[in-house]
Amino acid sequence: MKFTNLLTAALVLAALASPRAEIIEQILVKVNGEIFTKSDLEQRQIATLRAKGQPIDLKSDPNSVQLRKALDEITPQIMVEAVDEMIIVQRGKELGYTLSDAQFKGVVDNIRKENKIDTDEQFQAALKSENLSMADLRRNLERSMISQRVQQNEVLSKIGVTDDEARKYYEMHMKDFTTQPTVTLREILVAVPGDPKVMNVAADEAAKARADEIRKRVISGGDNFEKLAADVSDSPSKANAGLIGPLSVADLSPDLRKQVESMKAGDVSEPMRTARGYQLLKLETVTPTQTMTLEQAREQISEHVFTDKRKAEFQKYLTKLRAQAIIEWKNEDVKKAFEEGLKLQAAPSL
């Protein structure tokens, strides 16, 4: 399905029109009497393409296949969002929601502070760079504020999470509240000097003998593993007294996992040959598999369940508002884009 014949022409006209050219605005749809024009669509298309990091160069190739494809992809969602925004804002105005002068000033002051804009001239320049006027900014902010208040008061405030819903979610997503076992180790490495690709029997045996000696010193209680790691280890971990971890047991290599699982906290392994030399490991701590109780997980559960319910209830609310709205389409291509957007919105996510 193609929506680009009119839309590409609209973008080209906007890009190529001279300052003196007279552009007759075209209405694409009326929603309860409020109009959505070709210019409104262009602005949203350009903003969406820019947000996706897609460069827009209509002058060089206004009829490019790439541009047509991009417009086909984004226009359905744009039209659904545009119509939904209009009916939500209209509902908010029916409820008496407005953006006061004081609220607008507060938002502008915050914008200036966050962007370190000191003067009115700098602020006006910043608006101009975004093709906005102060009136445009206020309109956009007011519509955003009204939309948020409508969602909060008409939908979100009426959603709750029951104990049964929380328990059902917990039972179905038990793995999300379960942590895998972890281990914390300390290591001492006795490196084998020379090229690791070339076997040097004498050097290997000397390194093994030294590792055995270090282990005996630790096992006999004469030396502290942590201190020895800091003093004699050839591993970079010596800077942290040989400490490595905590590590998920599931992420360990099969051989290392087998070794660790045979140890208890405080045990020191036999010297193990690695690519770097001979490694001694001390098992510091073991944290077993832990599963949060329902009460411990309740806050997370409520957030997940609430989010799912919010999406469902908000879509029901929008469907009701759309059914009550008088939507007059003035362009069939744009109407088809809207209908395609509704189908995409209703399709189950994979």
Protein backbone atom coordinates (compact mmCIF):
# COMPACT_ATOMS: atom_id res chain seq x y z
CA MET A 1 0.00 0.00 0.00
CA LYS A 2 1.43 3.37 -1.03
CA PHE A 3 0.74 6.65 0.73
CA THR A 4 3.50 8.70 -0.85
CA ASN A 5 2.12 10.31 -4.01
CA LEU A 6 0.48 13.19 -2.19
CA LEU A 7 2.90 13.14 0.75
CA THR A 8 6.09 13.31 -1.27
CA ALA A 9 4.64 16.12 -3.36
CA ALA A 10 3.74 17.96 -0.17
CA LEU A 11 7.26 17.67 1.21
CA VAL A 12 8.78 18.76 -2.10
CA LEU A 13 6.51 21.79 -2.29
CA ALA A 14 7.45 22.83 1.22
CA ALA A 15 11.16 22.38 0.52
CA LEU A 16 11.24 24.17 -2.83
CA ALA A 17 8.75 26.98 -2.31
CA SER A 18 10.26 30.45 -2.43
CA PRO A 19 9.45 33.02 0.31
CA ARG A 20 6.99 34.74 -2.06
CA ALA A 21 5.26 31.59 -3.21
CA GLU A 22 1.64 31.30 -2.15
CA ILE A 23 0.90 27.90 -0.65
CA ILE A 24 -2.74 26.94 -0.34
CA GLU A 25 -3.03 24.81 2.78
CA GLN A 26 -4.68 21.45 2.25
CA ILE A 27 -6.81 19.88 4.96
CA LEU A 28 -6.26 16.15 5.27
CA VAL A 29 -8.73 15.35 8.05
CA LYS A 30 -11.13 17.04 10.46
CA VAL A 31 -11.57 15.59 13.93
CA ASN A 32 -14.58 17.07 15.72
CA GLY A 33 -14.03 20.16 13.59
CA GLU A 34 -10.31 20.48 14.35
CA ILE A 35 -8.23 20.33 11.21
CA PHE A 36 -5.04 18.43 10.48
CA THR A 37 -3.25 19.81 7.45
CA LYS A 38 -0.63 18.83 4.96
CA SER A 39 1.84 21.09 6.79
CA ASP A 40 1.07 19.36 10.08
CA LEU A 41 1.82 16.01 8.45
CA GLU A 42 5.03 17.29 6.87
CA GLN A 43 6.32 18.53 10.22
CA ARG A 44 5.65 15.20 11.89
CA GLN A 45 7.19 13.25 9.01
CA ILE A 46 10.37 15.31 9.08
CA ALA A 47 10.62 15.12 12.88
CA THR A 48 10.15 11.34 12.79
CA LEU A 49 12.73 10.82 10.06
CA ARG A 50 15.23 12.98 11.91
CA ALA A 51 14.60 11.09 15.14
CA LYS A 52 15.39 7.88 13.25
CA GLY A 53 18.64 9.41 12.04
CA GLN A 54 17.53 9.44 8.41
CA PRO A 55 18.84 12.46 6.45
CA ILE A 56 16.26 14.41 4.46
CA ASP A 57 17.40 15.91 1.17
CA LEU A 58 14.32 16.52 -0.91
CA LYS A 59 16.00 18.99 -3.25
CA SER A 60 18.57 16.49 -4.50
CA ASP A 61 16.19 13.58 -5.01
CA PRO A 62 12.59 14.25 -3.94
CA ASN A 63 11.23 11.12 -5.61
CA SER A 64 13.82 8.68 -4.32
CA VAL A 65 12.78 5.13 -3.59
CA GLN A 66 14.37 5.44 -0.16
CA LEU A 67 12.24 8.45 0.75
CA ARG A 68 9.06 6.79 -0.50
CA LYS A 69 9.82 3.68 1.52
CA ALA A 70 10.55 5.73 4.64
CA LEU A 71 7.25 7.62 4.29
CA ASP A 72 5.33 4.38 3.77
CA GLU A 73 6.80 3.05 7.02
CA ILE A 74 6.21 6.04 9.27
CA THR A 75 2.98 7.65 8.01
CA PRO A 76 0.51 5.07 9.40
CA GLN A 77 1.77 5.50 12.95
CA ILE A 78 1.98 9.28 12.54
CA MET A 79 -1.66 9.49 11.50
CA VAL A 80 -2.88 7.32 14.36
CA GLU A 81 -0.89 9.39 16.85
CA ALA A 82 -2.13 12.64 15.32
CA VAL A 83 -5.81 11.69 15.49
CA ASP A 84 -5.45 10.25 18.98
CA GLU A 85 -3.70 13.38 20.18
CA MET A 86 -6.49 15.58 18.85
CA ILE A 87 -9.28 13.61 20.50
CA ILE A 88 -7.39 13.39 23.82
CA VAL A 89 -6.63 17.11 23.88
CA GLN A 90 -10.22 17.87 22.95
CA ARG A 91 -11.39 15.71 25.84
CA GLY A 92 -9.00 17.52 28.16
CA LYS A 93 -10.35 20.90 27.13
CA GLU A 94 -13.88 19.62 27.79
CA LEU A 95 -12.68 18.82 31.32
CA GLY A 96 -11.28 22.33 31.68
CA TYR A 97 -7.56 21.53 31.51
CA THR A 98 -5.34 24.43 30.42
CA LEU A 99 -1.75 25.55 30.76
CA SER A 100 -1.64 28.68 32.89
CA ASP A 101 0.76 31.55 32.31
CA ALA A 102 2.57 30.66 35.53
CA GLN A 103 2.94 27.01 34.49
CA PHE A 104 4.22 27.98 31.06
CA LYS A 105 6.74 30.40 32.56
CA GLY A 106 7.93 27.69 34.94
CA VAL A 107 8.48 25.23 32.11
CA VAL A 108 10.31 27.82 30.01
CA ASP A 109 12.51 28.75 32.96
CA ASN A 110 13.40 25.06 33.44
CA ILE A 111 14.20 24.67 29.74
CA ARG A 112 16.47 27.70 29.86
CA LYS A 113 18.18 26.49 33.03
CA GLU A 114 18.76 22.94 31.75
CA ASN A 115 20.18 24.25 28.47
CA LYS A 116 22.14 27.09 30.10
CA ILE A 117 20.32 29.76 28.08
CA ASP A 118 20.78 33.11 29.82
CA THR A 119 19.10 35.69 27.59
CA ASP A 120 15.80 36.04 25.75
CA GLU A 121 17.76 36.49 22.52
CA GLN A 122 19.49 33.14 23.01
CA PHE A 123 16.17 31.47 23.75
CA GLN A 124 14.55 32.93 20.64
CA ALA A 125 17.53 31.77 18.58
CA ALA A 126 17.18 28.27 20.02
CA LEU A 127 13.49 28.21 19.12
CA LYS A 128 14.25 29.45 15.61
CA SER A 129 16.78 26.67 15.12
CA GLU A 130 13.94 24.20 15.79
CA ASN A 131 11.55 26.13 13.49
CA LEU A 132 9.41 27.08 16.49
CA SER A 133 7.90 30.31 17.72
CA MET A 134 7.02 31.02 21.34
CA ALA A 135 3.38 30.44 20.42
CA ASP A 136 4.29 27.05 18.88
CA LEU A 137 6.18 26.09 22.03
CA ARG A 138 3.26 27.02 24.27
CA ARG A 139 0.81 25.14 22.08
CA ASN A 140 2.97 22.01 22.08
CA LEU A 141 3.54 22.16 25.84
CA GLU A 142 -0.14 22.71 26.54
CA ARG A 143 -1.19 19.80 24.36
CA SER A 144 1.37 17.55 26.04
CA MET A 145 0.26 18.62 29.53
CA ILE A 146 -3.42 18.16 28.70
CA SER A 147 -2.77 14.71 27.22
CA GLN A 148 -0.91 13.62 30.36
CA ARG A 149 -3.66 14.88 32.66
CA VAL A 150 -6.35 13.12 30.65
CA GLN A 151 -4.44 9.85 30.80
CA GLN A 152 -3.82 10.23 34.52
CA ASN A 153 -7.34 11.19 35.52
CA GLU A 154 -9.40 9.26 32.98
CA VAL A 155 -7.35 6.04 32.83
CA LEU A 156 -4.44 5.59 35.23
CA SER A 157 -6.25 6.69 38.37
CA LYS A 158 -8.85 3.98 37.78
CA ILE A 159 -6.37 1.11 37.46
CA GLY A 160 -5.42 -1.05 40.41
CA VAL A 161 -3.62 -4.36 40.90
CA THR A 162 -5.49 -6.99 42.91
CA ASP A 163 -3.86 -9.63 45.10
CA ASP A 164 -5.02 -12.34 42.70
CA GLU A 165 -3.43 -10.54 39.73
CA ALA A 166 -0.18 -10.10 41.64
CA ARG A 167 -0.09 -13.76 42.69
CA LYS A 168 -0.86 -15.00 39.18
CA TYR A 169 1.90 -12.83 37.68
CA TYR A 170 4.35 -14.00 40.35
CA GLU A 171 3.64 -17.66 39.65
CA MET A 172 3.95 -17.20 35.88
CA HIS A 173 7.20 -15.20 36.09
CA MET A 174 8.96 -16.92 38.97
CA LYS A 175 12.26 -16.95 37.08
CA ASP A 176 12.24 -13.14 36.93
CA PHE A 177 12.39 -13.04 40.72
CA THR A 178 15.09 -15.70 41.03
CA THR A 179 18.80 -14.90 41.15
CA GLN A 180 21.37 -17.43 39.97
CA PRO A 181 24.08 -18.65 42.37
CA THR A 182 27.28 -16.62 42.44
CA VAL A 183 30.80 -17.14 43.75
CA THR A 184 33.55 -14.77 44.82
CA LEU A 185 37.11 -16.01 44.41
CA ARG A 186 40.67 -14.95 45.02
CA GLU A 187 43.49 -16.05 42.75
CA ILE A 188 47.24 -16.33 42.74
CA LEU A 189 48.88 -16.80 39.38
CA VAL A 190 52.37 -18.15 38.92
CA ALA A 191 53.21 -17.27 35.34
CA VAL A 192 55.33 -19.52 33.13
CA PRO A 193 57.94 -17.27 31.49
CA GLY A 194 58.62 -17.38 27.77
CA ASP A 195 56.45 -17.86 24.71
CA PRO A 196 53.20 -19.62 25.76
CA LYS A 197 53.06 -21.27 22.32
CA VAL A 198 56.41 -22.98 22.92
CA MET A 199 56.60 -25.66 25.61
CA ASN A 200 59.48 -25.06 28.06
CA VAL A 201 59.48 -28.10 30.33
CA ALA A 202 61.93 -26.68 32.85
CA ALA A 203 60.09 -23.37 33.18
CA ASP A 204 56.74 -25.17 33.46
CA GLU A 205 57.98 -27.49 36.18
CA ALA A 206 59.54 -24.59 38.11
CA ALA A 207 56.27 -22.64 38.00
CA LYS A 208 54.30 -25.71 39.12
CA ALA A 209 56.70 -26.30 42.02
CA ARG A 210 56.38 -22.67 43.11
CA ALA A 211 52.58 -22.85 42.97
CA ASP A 212 52.65 -26.04 45.09
CA GLU A 213 54.89 -24.31 47.61
CA ILE A 214 52.57 -21.29 47.85
CA ARG A 215 49.58 -23.56 48.41
CA LYS A 216 51.39 -25.43 51.19
CA ARG A 217 52.19 -22.13 52.91
CA VAL A 218 48.53 -21.19 52.83
CA ILE A 219 47.20 -24.61 53.87
CA SER A 220 49.62 -24.83 56.79
CA GLY A 221 48.36 -21.52 58.06
CA GLY A 222 51.71 -19.85 57.81
CA ASP A 223 50.65 -17.31 55.20
CA ASN A 224 47.48 -15.46 54.36
CA PHE A 225 46.15 -16.08 50.83
CA GLU A 226 45.04 -12.50 50.43
CA LYS A 227 48.46 -11.12 51.40
CA LEU A 228 50.29 -13.59 49.18
CA ALA A 229 48.04 -12.66 46.25
CA ALA A 230 48.97 -9.02 46.72
CA ASP A 231 52.68 -9.83 47.10
CA VAL A 232 53.55 -12.62 44.67
CA SER A 233 50.75 -13.13 42.15
CA ASP A 234 51.54 -12.48 38.48
CA SER A 235 47.90 -11.63 37.70
CA PRO A 236 46.58 -8.05 37.37
CA SER A 237 44.11 -9.00 40.13
CA LYS A 238 47.00 -8.69 42.62
CA ALA A 239 46.12 -4.98 42.79
CA ASN A 240 42.91 -6.08 44.52
CA ALA A 241 44.56 -8.83 46.57
CA GLY A 242 43.52 -11.42 43.99
CA LEU A 243 39.80 -10.73 44.30
CA ILE A 244 37.62 -11.72 41.33
CA GLY A 245 33.84 -11.68 41.30
CA PRO A 246 31.16 -12.08 42.28
CA LEU A 247 30.70 -14.32 39.25
CA SER A 248 27.57 -16.10 38.14
CA VAL A 249 28.11 -19.85 38.34
CA ALA A 250 26.29 -20.19 35.02
CA ASP A 251 28.94 -18.01 33.35
CA LEU A 252 31.91 -20.13 34.47
CA SER A 253 33.63 -22.52 32.10
CA PRO A 254 32.65 -26.17 32.62
CA ASP A 255 36.04 -27.05 34.12
CA LEU A 256 36.06 -24.09 36.49
CA ARG A 257 32.46 -24.71 37.50
CA LYS A 258 33.28 -28.33 38.32
CA GLN A 259 36.24 -27.19 40.40
CA VAL A 260 34.26 -24.55 42.30
CA GLU A 261 31.32 -26.85 42.96
CA SER A 262 33.69 -29.29 44.70
CA MET A 263 34.87 -26.58 47.11
CA LYS A 264 33.43 -24.90 50.15
CA ALA A 265 34.09 -21.37 51.40
CA GLY A 266 37.73 -21.05 52.53
CA ASP A 267 39.05 -23.94 50.42
CA VAL A 268 42.12 -23.46 48.22
CA SER A 269 42.35 -25.39 44.96
CA GLU A 270 45.25 -27.44 43.69
CA PRO A 271 47.36 -25.55 41.11
CA MET A 272 45.51 -25.49 37.79
CA ARG A 273 47.32 -25.09 34.49
CA THR A 274 46.00 -22.22 32.41
CA ALA A 275 47.27 -20.48 29.30
CA ARG A 276 49.09 -18.01 31.53
CA GLY A 277 50.63 -20.41 34.00
CA TYR A 278 49.53 -22.09 37.23
CA GLN A 279 46.56 -20.66 39.08
CA LEU A 280 45.51 -21.15 42.69
CA LEU A 281 41.94 -20.31 43.61
CA LYS A 282 40.45 -19.65 47.01
CA LEU A 283 36.68 -19.77 47.33
CA GLU A 284 35.69 -16.71 49.34
CA THR A 285 31.90 -16.81 49.32
CA VAL A 286 29.05 -18.70 47.71
CA THR A 287 25.64 -17.14 47.23
CA PRO A 288 23.04 -19.82 46.49
CA THR A 289 20.03 -19.53 44.22
CA GLN A 290 17.56 -17.15 45.82
CA THR A 291 13.92 -16.53 44.98
CA MET A 292 12.12 -13.44 46.23
CA THR A 293 8.90 -14.05 48.12
CA LEU A 294 5.65 -12.67 46.78
CA GLU A 295 5.77 -9.86 49.32
CA GLN A 296 9.36 -9.00 48.46
CA ALA A 297 8.51 -8.91 44.77
CA ARG A 298 5.18 -7.11 45.15
CA GLU A 299 6.45 -3.68 44.11
CA GLN A 300 8.04 -5.04 40.93
CA ILE A 301 4.97 -7.13 40.20
CA SER A 302 2.64 -4.16 40.63
CA GLU A 303 4.74 -2.14 38.23
CA HIS A 304 4.69 -4.84 35.54
CA VAL A 305 0.98 -5.62 35.92
CA PHE A 306 0.09 -1.93 36.06
CA THR A 307 2.06 -1.26 32.86
CA ASP A 308 0.29 -4.05 31.00
CA LYS A 309 -3.12 -2.95 32.26
CA ARG A 310 -2.35 0.69 31.47
CA LYS A 311 -1.63 -0.15 27.85
CA ALA A 312 -4.80 -2.22 27.52
CA GLU A 313 -7.06 0.25 29.30
CA PHE A 314 -5.64 3.22 27.43
CA GLN A 315 -6.29 1.51 24.11
CA LYS A 316 -9.87 0.82 25.20
CA TYR A 317 -10.22 4.48 26.16
CA LEU A 318 -8.86 5.64 22.80
CA THR A 319 -11.16 3.24 20.94
CA LYS A 320 -14.13 4.75 22.77
CA LEU A 321 -13.04 8.32 22.01
CA ARG A 322 -12.50 7.47 18.34
CA ALA A 323 -15.97 5.93 18.13
CA GLN A 324 -17.50 9.07 19.63
CA ALA A 325 -15.51 11.45 17.44
CA ILE A 326 -16.65 12.87 14.13
CA ILE A 327 -13.73 12.12 11.80
CA GLU A 328 -14.03 13.59 8.31
CA TRP A 329 -11.35 12.42 5.90
CA LYS A 330 -10.42 14.75 3.07
CA ASN A 331 -7.77 12.52 1.50
CA GLU A 332 -8.11 8.81 0.80
CA ASP A 333 -4.38 8.06 0.92
CA VAL A 334 -4.10 9.52 4.39
CA LYS A 335 -7.24 7.71 5.51
CA LYS A 336 -5.71 4.42 4.32
CA ALA A 337 -2.53 5.24 6.22
CA PHE A 338 -4.57 5.78 9.39
CA GLU A 339 -6.43 2.50 8.93
CA GLU A 340 -3.14 0.68 8.33
CA GLY A 341 -1.77 2.24 11.50
CA LEU A 342 -4.73 0.93 13.50
CA LYS A 343 -4.11 -2.58 12.15
CA LEU A 344 -0.45 -2.41 13.09
CA GLN A 345 -1.36 -1.16 16.56
CA ALA A 346 -3.80 -4.02 17.10
CA ALA A 347 -1.39 -6.68 15.86
CA PRO A 348 0.13 -8.74 18.69
CA SER A 349 3.78 -7.96 19.36
CA LEU A 350 6.25 -10.80 18.85
